[in-house]
C-alpha atoms as a PDB file:
ATOM      1  CA  MET A   1     -49.937 -21.215  -2.674  1.00  0.00           C
ATOM      2  CA  LYS A   2     -49.504 -18.619  -5.422  1.00  0.00           C
ATOM      3  CA  ASN A   3     -48.365 -19.729  -8.870  1.00  0.00           C
ATOM      4  CA  THR A   4     -45.182 -17.634  -8.671  1.00  0.00           C
ATOM      5  CA  GLU A   5     -44.226 -19.229  -5.359  1.00  0.00           C
ATOM      6  CA  ARG A   6     -44.956 -22.680  -6.743  1.00  0.00           C
ATOM      7  CA  ASP A   7     -42.908 -21.934  -9.874  1.00  0.00           C
ATOM      8  CA  PHE A   8     -40.022 -20.622  -7.775  1.00  0.00           C
ATOM      9  CA  LYS A   9     -39.928 -23.804  -5.696  1.00  0.00           C
ATOM     10  CA  ALA A  10     -39.993 -25.879  -8.876  1.00  0.00           C
ATOM     11  CA  TYR A  11     -36.994 -23.994 -10.287  1.00  0.00           C
ATOM     12  CA  GLN A  12     -35.127 -24.406  -7.011  1.00  0.00           C
ATOM     13  CA  PHE A  13     -35.913 -28.105  -6.911  1.00  0.00           C
ATOM     14  CA  LEU A  14     -34.648 -28.652 -10.460  1.00  0.00           C
ATOM     15  CA  ILE A  15     -31.428 -26.691  -9.890  1.00  0.00           C
ATOM     16  CA  THR A  16     -30.714 -28.730  -6.769  1.00  0.00           C
ATOM     17  CA  LEU A  17     -31.638 -32.006  -8.497  1.00  0.00           C
ATOM     18  CA  TYR A  18     -29.441 -31.421 -11.546  1.00  0.00           C
ATOM     19  CA  GLY A  19     -26.673 -30.272  -9.222  1.00  0.00           C
ATOM     20  CA  ARG A  20     -26.798 -33.576  -7.353  1.00  0.00           C
ATOM     21  CA  LEU A  21     -26.719 -35.420 -10.665  1.00  0.00           C
ATOM     22  CA  GLY A  22     -23.652 -33.415 -11.704  1.00  0.00           C
ATOM     23  CA  LYS A  23     -25.370 -31.934 -14.771  1.00  0.00           C
ATOM     24  CA  LEU A  24     -23.842 -28.468 -14.853  1.00  0.00           C
ATOM     25  CA  ASN A  25     -25.293 -27.465 -18.228  1.00  0.00           C
ATOM     26  CA  GLU A  26     -28.802 -28.295 -17.039  1.00  0.00           C
ATOM     27  CA  VAL A  27     -28.221 -26.294 -13.857  1.00  0.00           C
ATOM     28  CA  TYR A  28     -27.383 -23.226 -15.954  1.00  0.00           C
ATOM     29  CA  ARG A  29     -30.335 -23.852 -18.282  1.00  0.00           C
ATOM     30  CA  ILE A  30     -32.812 -23.880 -15.397  1.00  0.00           C
ATOM     31  CA  TRP A  31     -31.133 -20.815 -13.885  1.00  0.00           C
ATOM     32  CA  ARG A  32     -31.544 -18.871 -17.116  1.00  0.00           C
ATOM     33  CA  SER A  33     -35.214 -19.854 -17.213  1.00  0.00           C
ATOM     34  CA  LEU A  34     -35.663 -18.718 -13.618  1.00  0.00           C
ATOM     35  CA  ARG A  35     -34.019 -15.370 -14.351  1.00  0.00           C
ATOM     36  CA  LEU A  36     -36.291 -14.798 -17.358  1.00  0.00           C
ATOM     37  CA  ALA A  37     -39.405 -15.714 -15.398  1.00  0.00           C
ATOM     38  CA  MET A  38     -38.388 -13.774 -12.294  1.00  0.00           C
ATOM     39  CA  PRO A  39     -36.066 -10.849 -13.138  1.00  0.00           C
ATOM     40  CA  LYS A  40     -36.037  -9.740  -9.489  1.00  0.00           C
ATOM     41  CA  THR A  41     -34.206 -12.819  -8.317  1.00  0.00           C
ATOM     42  CA  SER A  42     -34.198 -13.325  -4.547  1.00  0.00           C
ATOM     43  CA  ASN A  43     -31.263 -13.856  -2.216  1.00  0.00           C
ATOM     44  CA  VAL A  44     -32.496 -17.410  -1.613  1.00  0.00           C
ATOM     45  CA  ALA A  45     -32.305 -18.206  -5.334  1.00  0.00           C
ATOM     46  CA  TYR A  46     -28.733 -16.895  -5.578  1.00  0.00           C
ATOM     47  CA  LEU A  47     -27.819 -18.716  -2.368  1.00  0.00           C
ATOM     48  CA  ASN A  48     -29.037 -22.031  -3.749  1.00  0.00           C
ATOM     49  CA  MET A  49     -27.512 -21.553  -7.200  1.00  0.00           C
ATOM     50  CA  ILE A  50     -24.105 -20.446  -5.935  1.00  0.00           C
ATOM     51  CA  GLN A  51     -24.022 -23.345  -3.463  1.00  0.00           C
ATOM     52  CA  VAL A  52     -24.803 -25.800  -6.261  1.00  0.00           C
ATOM     53  CA  LEU A  53     -22.026 -24.342  -8.439  1.00  0.00           C
ATOM     54  CA  VAL A  54     -19.563 -24.535  -5.546  1.00  0.00           C
ATOM     55  CA  ASN A  55     -20.528 -28.174  -4.957  1.00  0.00           C
ATOM     56  CA  LEU A  56     -19.918 -28.858  -8.657  1.00  0.00           C
ATOM     57  CA  LYS A  57     -16.446 -27.268  -8.391  1.00  0.00           C
ATOM     58  CA  ASP A  58     -17.433 -24.456 -10.763  1.00  0.00           C
ATOM     59  CA  LEU A  59     -15.741 -21.716  -8.764  1.00  0.00           C
ATOM     60  CA  PRO A  60     -15.452 -19.245 -11.694  1.00  0.00           C
ATOM     61  CA  GLY A  61     -19.190 -19.619 -12.322  1.00  0.00           C
ATOM     62  CA  ALA A  62     -19.951 -19.146  -8.634  1.00  0.00           C
ATOM     63  CA  GLU A  63     -17.795 -15.998  -8.580  1.00  0.00           C
ATOM     64  CA  THR A  64     -19.615 -14.566 -11.601  1.00  0.00           C
ATOM     65  CA  LEU A  65     -23.022 -15.085 -10.006  1.00  0.00           C
ATOM     66  CA  PHE A  66     -21.784 -13.762  -6.686  1.00  0.00           C
ATOM     67  CA  LYS A  67     -20.667 -10.510  -8.325  1.00  0.00           C
ATOM     68  CA  GLU A  68     -24.023 -10.288 -10.090  1.00  0.00           C
ATOM     69  CA  TRP A  69     -25.793 -10.784  -6.761  1.00  0.00           C
ATOM     70  CA  GLN A  70     -23.626  -8.129  -5.084  1.00  0.00           C
ATOM     71  CA  ALA A  71     -24.501  -5.619  -7.788  1.00  0.00           C
ATOM     72  CA  ASN A  72     -28.250  -6.183  -7.548  1.00  0.00           C
ATOM     73  CA  CYS A  73     -29.108  -7.297  -4.009  1.00  0.00           C
ATOM     74  CA  SER A  74     -31.177  -5.034  -1.773  1.00  0.00           C
ATOM     75  CA  THR A  75     -30.140  -6.907   1.380  1.00  0.00           C
ATOM     76  CA  TYR A  76     -26.557  -8.098   1.817  1.00  0.00           C
ATOM     77  CA  ASP A  77     -27.275 -11.636   3.038  1.00  0.00           C
ATOM     78  CA  ILE A  78     -24.309 -13.064   4.948  1.00  0.00           C
ATOM     79  CA  ARG A  79     -25.438 -16.588   4.054  1.00  0.00           C
ATOM     80  CA  VAL A  80     -24.560 -15.958   0.397  1.00  0.00           C
ATOM     81  CA  VAL A  81     -21.196 -14.516   1.437  1.00  0.00           C
ATOM     82  CA  ASN A  82     -20.515 -17.542   3.638  1.00  0.00           C
ATOM     83  CA  VAL A  83     -20.951 -19.893   0.677  1.00  0.00           C
ATOM     84  CA  MET A  84     -18.143 -18.084  -1.143  1.00  0.00           C
ATOM     85  CA  ILE A  85     -15.971 -17.845   1.970  1.00  0.00           C
ATOM     86  CA  GLY A  86     -16.375 -21.606   2.426  1.00  0.00           C
ATOM     87  CA  ALA A  87     -15.470 -22.232  -1.206  1.00  0.00           C
ATOM     88  CA  TYR A  88     -12.368 -20.054  -0.955  1.00  0.00           C
ATOM     89  CA  THR A  89     -11.110 -21.493   2.333  1.00  0.00           C
ATOM     90  CA  ARG A  90     -11.555 -25.073   1.122  1.00  0.00           C
ATOM     91  CA  GLU A  91      -9.480 -24.216  -1.952  1.00  0.00           C
ATOM     92  CA  GLY A  92      -6.811 -22.536   0.183  1.00  0.00           C
ATOM     93  CA  LEU A  93      -7.678 -19.074  -1.166  1.00  0.00           C
ATOM     94  CA  VAL A  94      -7.779 -17.476   2.261  1.00  0.00           C
ATOM     95  CA  GLU A  95      -6.821 -14.019   0.950  1.00  0.00           C
ATOM     96  CA  LYS A  96     -10.021 -13.909  -1.104  1.00  0.00           C
ATOM     97  CA  ALA A  97     -12.009 -15.194   1.861  1.00  0.00           C
ATOM     98  CA  ASN A  98     -10.537 -12.527   4.123  1.00  0.00           C
ATOM     99  CA  GLU A  99     -11.344  -9.850   1.566  1.00  0.00           C
ATOM    100  CA  LEU A 100     -15.018 -10.850   1.653  1.00  0.00           C
ATOM    101  CA  LYS A 101     -14.965 -10.947   5.444  1.00  0.00           C
ATOM    102  CA  GLU A 102     -13.564  -7.419   5.611  1.00  0.00           C
ATOM    103  CA  LYS A 103     -15.882  -5.934   2.982  1.00  0.00           C
ATOM    104  CA  SER A 104     -19.151  -7.529   4.110  1.00  0.00           C
ATOM    105  CA  PRO A 105     -19.817  -5.298   7.159  1.00  0.00           C
ATOM    106  CA  ARG A 106     -19.407  -2.222   4.957  1.00  0.00           C
ATOM    107  CA  ARG A 107     -22.244  -3.522   2.785  1.00  0.00           C
ATOM    108  CA  GLY A 108     -24.443  -4.278   5.785  1.00  0.00           C
ATOM    109  CA  GLY A 109     -23.587  -7.960   6.025  1.00  0.00           C
ATOM    110  CA  LYS A 110     -23.322  -9.041   9.646  1.00  0.00           C
ATOM    111  CA  LEU A 111     -20.677 -11.710  10.213  1.00  0.00           C
ATOM    112  CA  ASN A 112     -22.145 -14.672  12.078  1.00  0.00           C
ATOM    113  CA  ALA A 113     -20.830 -17.751  13.878  1.00  0.00           C
ATOM    114  CA  LYS A 114     -20.825 -19.698  10.603  1.00  0.00           C
ATOM    115  CA  THR A 115     -18.466 -17.127   9.058  1.00  0.00           C
ATOM    116  CA  TRP A 116     -15.925 -17.690  11.807  1.00  0.00           C
ATOM    117  CA  GLU A 117     -16.495 -21.453  11.759  1.00  0.00           C
ATOM    118  CA  LEU A 118     -15.444 -21.564   8.100  1.00  0.00           C
ATOM    119  CA  PHE A 119     -12.184 -19.768   8.904  1.00  0.00           C
ATOM    120  CA  MET A 120     -11.726 -21.980  11.971  1.00  0.00           C
ATOM    121  CA  ASP A 121     -11.920 -25.105   9.792  1.00  0.00           C
ATOM    122  CA  TYR A 122      -9.283 -23.635   7.485  1.00  0.00           C
ATOM    123  CA  TYR A 123      -6.857 -22.932  10.318  1.00  0.00           C
ATOM    124  CA  VAL A 124      -7.452 -26.242  12.125  1.00  0.00           C
ATOM    125  CA  LYS A 125      -6.644 -28.202   8.962  1.00  0.00           C
ATOM    126  CA  ARG A 126      -3.366 -26.299   8.702  1.00  0.00           C
ATOM    127  CA  GLY A 127      -2.468 -26.651  12.359  1.00  0.00           C
ATOM    128  CA  GLU A 128      -2.597 -22.885  12.893  1.00  0.00           C
ATOM    129  CA  THR A 129      -3.952 -23.200  16.411  1.00  0.00           C
ATOM    130  CA  ALA A 130      -3.681 -19.573  17.546  1.00  0.00           C
ATOM    131  CA  GLN A 131      -5.751 -18.354  14.595  1.00  0.00           C
ATOM    132  CA  ALA A 132      -8.256 -21.189  15.088  1.00  0.00           C
ATOM    133  CA  LEU A 133      -8.710 -20.205  18.747  1.00  0.00           C
ATOM    134  CA  GLU A 134      -9.333 -16.612  17.724  1.00  0.00           C
ATOM    135  CA  CYS A 135     -12.078 -17.731  15.339  1.00  0.00           C
ATOM    136  CA  ILE A 136     -13.667 -19.950  17.999  1.00  0.00           C
ATOM    137  CA  THR A 137     -13.658 -17.085  20.485  1.00  0.00           C
ATOM    138  CA  LYS A 138     -15.472 -14.829  18.026  1.00  0.00           C
ATOM    139  CA  ALA A 139     -17.986 -17.497  17.013  1.00  0.00           C
ATOM    140  CA  VAL A 140     -18.801 -18.293  20.655  1.00  0.00           C
ATOM    141  CA  SER A 141     -19.271 -14.598  21.457  1.00  0.00           C
ATOM    142  CA  ILE A 142     -21.723 -14.198  18.555  1.00  0.00           C
ATOM    143  CA  GLY A 143     -23.643 -17.409  19.198  1.00  0.00           C
ATOM    144  CA  LYS A 144     -26.279 -18.911  16.947  1.00  0.00           C
ATOM    145  CA  GLY A 145     -28.824 -16.826  15.094  1.00  0.00           C
ATOM    146  CA  ASP A 146     -31.670 -18.165  17.210  1.00  0.00           C
ATOM    147  CA  GLY A 147     -30.000 -16.977  20.383  1.00  0.00           C
ATOM    148  CA  GLY A 148     -28.560 -20.397  21.202  1.00  0.00           C
ATOM    149  CA  LYS A 149     -24.957 -21.093  22.083  1.00  0.00           C
ATOM    150  CA  TRP A 150     -22.422 -22.018  19.421  1.00  0.00           C
ATOM    151  CA  LEU A 151     -19.622 -24.477  20.163  1.00  0.00           C
ATOM    152  CA  PRO A 152     -17.076 -26.185  17.916  1.00  0.00           C
ATOM    153  CA  SER A 153     -17.798 -29.803  17.000  1.00  0.00           C
ATOM    154  CA  GLU A 154     -16.295 -32.683  18.966  1.00  0.00           C
ATOM    155  CA  ASP A 155     -14.098 -33.521  15.968  1.00  0.00           C
ATOM    156  CA  THR A 156     -12.737 -29.966  15.912  1.00  0.00           C
ATOM    157  CA  VAL A 157     -12.025 -30.002  19.647  1.00  0.00           C
ATOM    158  CA  ARG A 158     -10.313 -33.382  19.302  1.00  0.00           C
ATOM    159  CA  ALA A 159      -8.169 -32.169  16.398  1.00  0.00           C
ATOM    160  CA  LEU A 160      -7.133 -28.982  18.192  1.00  0.00           C
ATOM    161  CA  MET A 161      -6.289 -30.760  21.446  1.00  0.00           C
ATOM    162  CA  SER A 162      -4.173 -33.236  19.481  1.00  0.00           C
ATOM    163  CA  GLN A 163      -2.300 -30.342  17.883  1.00  0.00           C
ATOM    164  CA  PHE A 164      -1.716 -28.742  21.281  1.00  0.00           C
ATOM    165  CA  GLU A 165      -0.282 -32.068  22.488  1.00  0.00           C
ATOM    166  CA  GLU A 166       2.130 -32.196  19.549  1.00  0.00           C
ATOM    167  CA  LYS A 167       3.208 -28.596  20.134  1.00  0.00           C
ATOM    168  CA  LYS A 168       3.384 -29.094  23.921  1.00  0.00           C
ATOM    169  CA  ASP A 169       1.222 -25.983  24.077  1.00  0.00           C
ATOM    170  CA  VAL A 170      -0.328 -25.975  27.545  1.00  0.00           C
ATOM    171  CA  ASN A 171      -1.541 -22.386  27.255  1.00  0.00           C
ATOM    172  CA  GLY A 172      -3.353 -23.123  24.007  1.00  0.00           C
ATOM    173  CA  ALA A 173      -5.040 -26.209  25.451  1.00  0.00           C
ATOM    174  CA  GLU A 174      -6.111 -24.326  28.568  1.00  0.00           C
ATOM    175  CA  SER A 175      -7.431 -21.468  26.430  1.00  0.00           C
ATOM    176  CA  LEU A 176      -9.618 -23.862  24.461  1.00  0.00           C
ATOM    177  CA  LEU A 177     -11.030 -25.366  27.661  1.00  0.00           C
ATOM    178  CA  GLU A 178     -11.756 -21.895  28.985  1.00  0.00           C
ATOM    179  CA  ILE A 179     -13.671 -21.038  25.801  1.00  0.00           C
ATOM    180  CA  LEU A 180     -15.619 -24.317  25.890  1.00  0.00           C
ATOM    181  CA  LYS A 181     -16.614 -23.757  29.518  1.00  0.00           C
ATOM    182  CA  LYS A 182     -18.454 -20.614  28.441  1.00  0.00           C
ATOM    183  CA  GLY A 183     -20.892 -22.760  26.503  1.00  0.00           C
ATOM    184  CA  THR A 184     -21.061 -26.058  28.366  1.00  0.00           C
ATOM    185  CA  ASP A 185     -20.534 -27.529  31.826  1.00  0.00           C
ATOM    186  CA  ASP A 186     -19.275 -30.786  30.345  1.00  0.00           C
ATOM    187  CA  VAL A 187     -16.258 -30.479  28.060  1.00  0.00           C
ATOM    188  CA  GLY A 188     -15.765 -34.247  28.138  1.00  0.00           C
ATOM    189  CA  VAL A 189     -13.337 -36.745  29.641  1.00  0.00           C
ATOM    190  CA  GLU A 190     -11.384 -37.054  26.394  1.00  0.00           C
ATOM    191  CA  THR A 191     -10.604 -33.328  26.409  1.00  0.00           C
ATOM    192  CA  PHE A 192      -9.257 -33.442  29.958  1.00  0.00           C
ATOM    193  CA  GLU A 193      -7.191 -36.537  29.190  1.00  0.00           C
ATOM    194  CA  SER A 194      -5.649 -34.695  26.257  1.00  0.00           C
ATOM    195  CA  LEU A 195      -4.982 -31.691  28.491  1.00  0.00           C
ATOM    196  CA  ILE A 196      -3.121 -33.901  30.965  1.00  0.00           C
ATOM    197  CA  ARG A 197      -1.058 -35.452  28.158  1.00  0.00           C
ATOM    198  CA  THR A 198      -0.191 -31.942  26.983  1.00  0.00           C
ATOM    199  CA  TYR A 199       1.073 -31.012  30.446  1.00  0.00           C
ATOM    200  CA  ALA A 200       3.111 -34.237  30.539  1.00  0.00           C
ATOM    201  CA  ALA A 201       4.560 -33.633  27.060  1.00  0.00           C
ATOM    202  CA  ALA A 202       5.547 -30.116  28.083  1.00  0.00           C
ATOM    203  CA  GLY A 203       7.147 -31.405  31.282  1.00  0.00           C
ATOM    204  CA  LYS A 204       4.941 -29.150  33.401  1.00  0.00           C
ATOM    205  CA  SER A 205       3.421 -30.008  36.749  1.00  0.00           C
ATOM    206  CA  HIS A 206      -0.091 -29.163  37.899  1.00  0.00           C
ATOM    207  CA  PRO A 207      -0.426 -30.004  41.603  1.00  0.00           C
ATOM    208  CA  ALA A 208      -4.124 -29.073  41.665  1.00  0.00           C
ATOM    209  CA  MET A 209      -5.156 -31.193  38.667  1.00  0.00           C
ATOM    210  CA  ARG A 210      -6.676 -34.012  40.746  1.00  0.00           C
ATOM    211  CA  GLN A 211      -8.821 -31.547  42.638  1.00  0.00           C
ATOM    212  CA  ARG A 212      -9.793 -29.912  39.376  1.00  0.00           C
ATOM    213  CA  LEU A 213     -10.910 -33.244  37.914  1.00  0.00           C
ATOM    214  CA  LYS A 214     -12.874 -33.994  41.063  1.00  0.00           C
ATOM    215  CA  MET A 215     -14.705 -30.676  40.805  1.00  0.00           C
ATOM    216  CA  GLU A 216     -15.443 -31.363  37.141  1.00  0.00           C
ATOM    217  CA  LYS A 217     -16.601 -34.902  38.041  1.00  0.00           C
ATOM    218  CA  VAL A 218     -14.189 -36.361  35.519  1.00  0.00           C
ATOM    219  CA  LYS A 219     -12.672 -39.832  35.872  1.00  0.00           C
ATOM    220  CA  VAL A 220      -9.746 -40.472  33.532  1.00  0.00           C
ATOM    221  CA  ASP A 221      -8.456 -43.812  32.224  1.00  0.00           C
ATOM    222  CA  LYS A 222      -5.557 -45.756  33.762  1.00  0.00           C
ATOM    223  CA  ALA A 223      -2.930 -44.486  31.325  1.00  0.00           C
ATOM    224  CA  THR A 224      -3.858 -40.883  32.098  1.00  0.00           C
ATOM    225  CA  GLU A 225      -3.964 -41.675  35.810  1.00  0.00           C
ATOM    226  CA  LYS A 226      -0.264 -42.595  35.660  1.00  0.00           C
ATOM    227  CA  LEU A 227       0.541 -39.258  34.032  1.00  0.00           C
ATOM    228  CA  LEU A 228      -1.553 -37.593  36.707  1.00  0.00           C
ATOM    229  CA  ASP A 229       0.721 -39.067  39.385  1.00  0.00           C
ATOM    230  CA  GLU A 230       3.661 -37.234  37.814  1.00  0.00           C
ATOM    231  CA  LEU A 231       1.731 -33.995  37.332  1.00  0.00           C
ATOM    232  CA  CYS A 232       0.582 -33.875  40.931  1.00  0.00           C
ATOM    233  CA  GLN A 233       3.799 -34.853  42.722  1.00  0.00           C
ATOM    234  CA  ASP A 234       3.867 -31.589  44.668  1.00  0.00           C
ATOM    235  CA  GLU A 235       0.287 -31.765  45.947  1.00  0.00           C
END
């Protein structure tokens, strides 16, 4: 291993360590030393430093370094952008996050599934289900960077289905299932049980639901089975 590579890893380690210890001044001290030793600072170094500042709730500092990175980077790394988008969405500053999302492609930054996942989290937390579905659709269509399939977490699916139940939004619930089916053959019993409760809450029948569950090899609990009797009265 070359000395410069070893030194770089040491700087990165110290920045991360002091970040975990909550020592912001030390984080900046090590960063200044890194910048002096390596004037051509890499995307990875900025990525790590900005993430540490975001974790320490130093958003103004993160913004300053992000602007510095934008002015000097040779490759517009979407991972660095995503750190700022995540920081903005968690703070409720979605306008700033959207601005970065819109500008990134013009700089050569390719939006990835993580970009849309960050916006999805923002909308799910606010119960904005239509916008969350749009983000999920885009993330699924992009997939993971390694060519694998991207799907929302079980917690996200559970939260969205619960919101659809509250809103009696059958179309929204069905749309989510349709999206999930593009990435997996097993969307889970819990998701179907929530779908049935959504139909019941909306006062809508679904005569073919039993057959649908049979085809999906899904067996629901007793409480859902009672709702199923009402849904399938016309079968």
